[in-house]
Amino acid sequence: KPVNNGVNNGGNNGENNGNDGPCEYPEAGQFVDLGQVMPNLTWNGAYLPDGTTVDFSMEKWFCDDEYAELQTIAFVLGTGWCPACPGYIEHVNGLSSTLTSNNMMIVYIEAEDQNGTPGTHQYAYEYINELIGDGPGLRIGDGETLPAPRTLIQSPVVQSFPSGWIVRRSDMTVVASQHASQYIIPFEQ
């Protein structure tokens, strides 16, 4: 199993993901959309379930040896004002042992708090932990997404709340999204 469920502060050795030579993140647009390469976004000071903070980026996930066992990453996006979001988050957490054993990393994102203010990592940590305790998955606030806050909530992949999408590590392509599913993304497939 990956350290910290696939998230820690390890450095980029630049020699991974099956590449010969330095790892280069695939060319991507600014926003997240189905069938497109996930933008190289960063979240400094994101939270692990135990309250430890880590710096995490898509480039790190793509290139670093510490994530070599992982094949996909599931992003679960909600807001503090969305009445359906807690159930969605709890549903994904209920699948978490299957997902992580199938080499999937989980990232919970809070786009906004209950007042519509951009979500912070601290808010995401507190809100998600109220729902699922120390269930696996990184906790991030979209208000702290880099290079531009609120990139995720503005992306075409997010058409309603809750939302979610899955990224395949081999080429960083968004291979499934909530808006393209009839009910809930079949995360476990």
Protein backbone atom coordinates (compact mmCIF):
# COMPACT_ATOMS: atom_id res chain seq x y z
CA LYS A 1 0.00 0.00 0.00
CA PRO A 2 1.24 3.53 -0.73
CA VAL A 3 2.41 5.63 2.20
CA ASN A 4 -0.45 7.75 3.65
CA ASN A 5 -2.85 6.25 1.13
CA GLY A 6 -0.75 7.58 -1.72
CA VAL A 7 -0.07 11.04 -0.36
CA ASN A 8 3.03 12.34 1.37
CA ASN A 9 5.70 14.97 1.05
CA GLY A 10 8.15 12.93 -1.06
CA GLY A 11 10.07 14.72 -3.79
CA ASN A 12 9.93 14.30 -7.53
CA ASN A 13 12.77 12.14 -8.71
CA GLY A 14 11.91 13.03 -12.30
CA GLU A 15 12.41 9.45 -13.45
CA ASN A 16 9.01 7.73 -13.15
CA ASN A 17 5.74 6.73 -14.73
CA GLY A 18 7.37 4.41 -17.22
CA ASN A 19 9.23 7.26 -18.92
CA ASP A 20 12.84 7.04 -20.03
CA GLY A 21 14.51 10.19 -18.77
CA PRO A 22 12.96 13.10 -16.93
CA CYS A 23 9.23 12.95 -16.36
CA GLU A 24 7.24 15.56 -18.27
CA TYR A 25 3.64 16.31 -17.43
CA PRO A 26 1.39 16.02 -20.50
CA GLU A 27 0.21 19.22 -22.14
CA ALA A 28 -3.13 20.30 -20.69
CA GLY A 29 -5.64 23.11 -20.81
CA GLN A 30 -6.59 25.39 -17.93
CA PHE A 31 -9.77 23.59 -16.81
CA VAL A 32 -10.91 20.00 -16.15
CA ASP A 33 -13.09 18.29 -18.75
CA LEU A 34 -14.02 14.74 -19.69
CA GLY A 35 -11.64 13.23 -22.25
CA GLN A 36 -9.00 15.90 -21.66
CA VAL A 37 -5.71 15.88 -19.75
CA MET A 38 -6.13 17.06 -16.16
CA PRO A 39 -4.42 20.45 -15.69
CA ASN A 40 -1.25 20.41 -13.61
CA LEU A 41 -2.81 21.87 -10.46
CA THR A 42 -1.22 22.23 -7.02
CA TRP A 43 -2.58 22.28 -3.47
CA ASN A 44 -0.01 23.36 -0.88
CA GLY A 45 -0.96 22.57 2.69
CA ALA A 46 -3.72 20.08 1.83
CA TYR A 47 -4.86 17.77 4.61
CA LEU A 48 -4.54 14.05 5.15
CA PRO A 49 -7.27 12.38 7.24
CA ASP A 50 -5.12 12.58 10.40
CA GLY A 51 -4.67 16.36 10.13
CA THR A 52 -1.16 16.24 8.70
CA THR A 53 -0.64 18.78 5.93
CA VAL A 54 1.07 17.97 2.64
CA ASP A 55 1.92 19.70 -0.59
CA PHE A 56 0.32 17.85 -3.49
CA SER A 57 0.26 18.43 -7.24
CA MET A 58 -0.88 16.55 -10.28
CA GLU A 59 2.69 16.57 -11.59
CA LYS A 60 3.89 14.95 -8.35
CA TRP A 61 1.15 12.31 -8.64
CA PHE A 62 2.10 11.64 -12.28
CA CYS A 63 5.88 11.60 -11.85
CA ASP A 64 6.84 10.48 -8.33
CA ASP A 65 7.78 6.91 -7.45
CA GLU A 66 5.69 7.10 -4.28
CA TYR A 67 2.54 6.95 -6.45
CA ALA A 68 3.80 4.23 -8.82
CA GLU A 69 1.23 1.67 -7.57
CA LEU A 70 -1.71 4.01 -8.18
CA GLN A 71 -3.58 3.80 -11.47
CA THR A 72 -6.38 6.32 -11.01
CA ILE A 73 -7.40 9.23 -8.84
CA ALA A 74 -11.00 10.06 -7.96
CA PHE A 75 -11.96 13.67 -7.31
CA VAL A 76 -15.14 14.16 -5.28
CA LEU A 77 -16.31 17.77 -5.29
CA GLY A 78 -18.95 19.22 -3.02
CA THR A 79 -19.95 22.40 -1.25
CA GLY A 80 -21.01 23.16 2.29
CA TRP A 81 -24.42 24.37 1.08
CA CYS A 82 -25.26 21.36 -1.10
CA PRO A 83 -27.88 19.08 0.53
CA ALA A 84 -26.93 16.05 -1.60
CA CYS A 85 -23.16 16.36 -1.05
CA PRO A 86 -22.86 14.67 2.37
CA GLY A 87 -24.55 11.51 1.09
CA TYR A 88 -22.31 11.43 -1.99
CA ILE A 89 -19.18 11.83 0.11
CA GLU A 90 -20.36 9.10 2.49
CA HIS A 91 -21.13 6.84 -0.49
CA VAL A 92 -17.61 7.22 -1.88
CA ASN A 93 -16.14 6.65 1.57
CA GLY A 94 -18.19 3.44 1.80
CA LEU A 95 -16.41 2.25 -1.35
CA SER A 96 -12.98 3.45 -0.19
CA SER A 97 -11.51 0.09 0.82
CA THR A 98 -12.39 -1.34 -2.60
CA LEU A 99 -11.17 1.77 -4.41
CA THR A 100 -7.84 1.97 -2.60
CA SER A 101 -7.24 -1.79 -2.96
CA ASN A 102 -7.77 -1.26 -6.70
CA ASN A 103 -4.99 1.36 -6.73
CA MET A 104 -7.22 4.43 -6.75
CA MET A 105 -6.43 7.54 -4.72
CA ILE A 106 -9.34 9.64 -3.41
CA VAL A 107 -9.36 13.44 -3.21
CA TYR A 108 -12.27 15.23 -1.52
CA ILE A 109 -12.72 18.86 -2.59
CA GLU A 110 -14.87 21.47 -0.95
CA ALA A 111 -15.47 24.19 -3.55
CA GLU A 112 -17.38 26.51 -1.18
CA ASP A 113 -18.39 26.61 2.45
CA GLN A 114 -21.99 26.88 3.70
CA ASN A 115 -22.00 30.64 2.92
CA GLY A 116 -20.72 30.31 -0.65
CA THR A 117 -17.21 31.48 0.27
CA PRO A 118 -14.41 29.65 -1.59
CA GLY A 119 -13.42 26.53 0.33
CA THR A 120 -10.10 26.41 2.17
CA HIS A 121 -8.11 23.30 2.99
CA GLN A 122 -8.94 23.81 6.67
CA TYR A 123 -12.66 23.99 5.92
CA ALA A 124 -12.46 20.88 3.71
CA TYR A 125 -10.61 18.96 6.43
CA GLU A 126 -13.12 19.87 9.13
CA TYR A 127 -16.21 19.31 6.95
CA ILE A 128 -15.07 16.00 5.40
CA ASN A 129 -13.88 14.65 8.75
CA GLU A 130 -17.29 15.43 10.28
CA LEU A 131 -18.82 13.19 7.60
CA ILE A 132 -16.34 10.33 7.27
CA GLY A 133 -13.92 10.65 10.18
CA ASP A 134 -10.47 9.47 9.21
CA GLY A 135 -11.65 7.74 6.01
CA PRO A 136 -8.95 7.70 3.32
CA GLY A 137 -8.51 10.61 0.96
CA LEU A 138 -6.86 13.98 0.69
CA ARG A 139 -8.95 17.00 1.77
CA ILE A 140 -8.57 20.18 -0.30
CA GLY A 141 -10.35 23.49 -0.68
CA ASP A 142 -10.80 24.78 -4.23
CA GLY A 143 -10.21 28.31 -2.95
CA GLU A 144 -6.56 27.28 -2.53
CA THR A 145 -6.11 25.60 -5.91
CA LEU A 146 -2.99 26.82 -7.74
CA PRO A 147 -2.19 28.40 -10.13
CA ALA A 148 -5.72 29.87 -9.90
CA PRO A 149 -8.17 29.52 -7.01
CA ARG A 150 -11.58 28.08 -7.94
CA THR A 151 -10.25 26.38 -11.07
CA LEU A 152 -12.21 23.23 -10.29
CA ILE A 153 -15.64 24.79 -9.66
CA GLN A 154 -15.26 26.71 -12.95
CA SER A 155 -14.34 23.62 -14.97
CA PRO A 156 -16.73 22.09 -17.55
CA VAL A 157 -16.55 18.74 -15.72
CA VAL A 158 -18.52 20.34 -12.86
CA GLN A 159 -22.10 20.85 -14.00
CA SER A 160 -23.90 20.23 -10.71
CA PHE A 161 -23.26 19.39 -7.08
CA PRO A 162 -22.08 16.99 -5.97
CA SER A 163 -19.66 16.26 -8.75
CA GLY A 164 -16.83 13.87 -9.39
CA TRP A 165 -14.38 12.67 -11.98
CA ILE A 166 -11.67 10.06 -12.39
CA VAL A 167 -8.21 10.63 -13.86
CA ARG A 168 -6.12 7.82 -15.35
CA ARG A 169 -2.49 8.15 -14.24
CA SER A 170 -0.85 6.70 -17.37
CA ASP A 171 -1.80 9.71 -19.50
CA MET A 172 -3.57 12.01 -16.96
CA THR A 173 -6.81 11.91 -18.94
CA VAL A 174 -10.19 12.45 -17.27
CA VAL A 175 -11.84 9.11 -18.09
CA ALA A 176 -15.15 9.40 -16.19
CA SER A 177 -17.28 12.22 -14.82
CA GLN A 178 -20.43 12.61 -12.79
CA HIS A 179 -22.18 14.65 -15.48
CA ALA A 180 -21.69 11.83 -17.99
CA SER A 181 -23.15 9.21 -15.61
CA GLN A 182 -26.84 8.50 -15.15
CA TYR A 183 -26.68 8.42 -11.36
CA ILE A 184 -23.39 8.11 -9.48
CA ILE A 185 -20.05 7.44 -11.18
CA PRO A 186 -19.28 3.72 -10.95
CA PHE A 187 -16.04 4.51 -9.09
CA GLU A 188 -15.33 0.85 -8.44
CA GLN A 189 -15.25 -0.19 -12.12
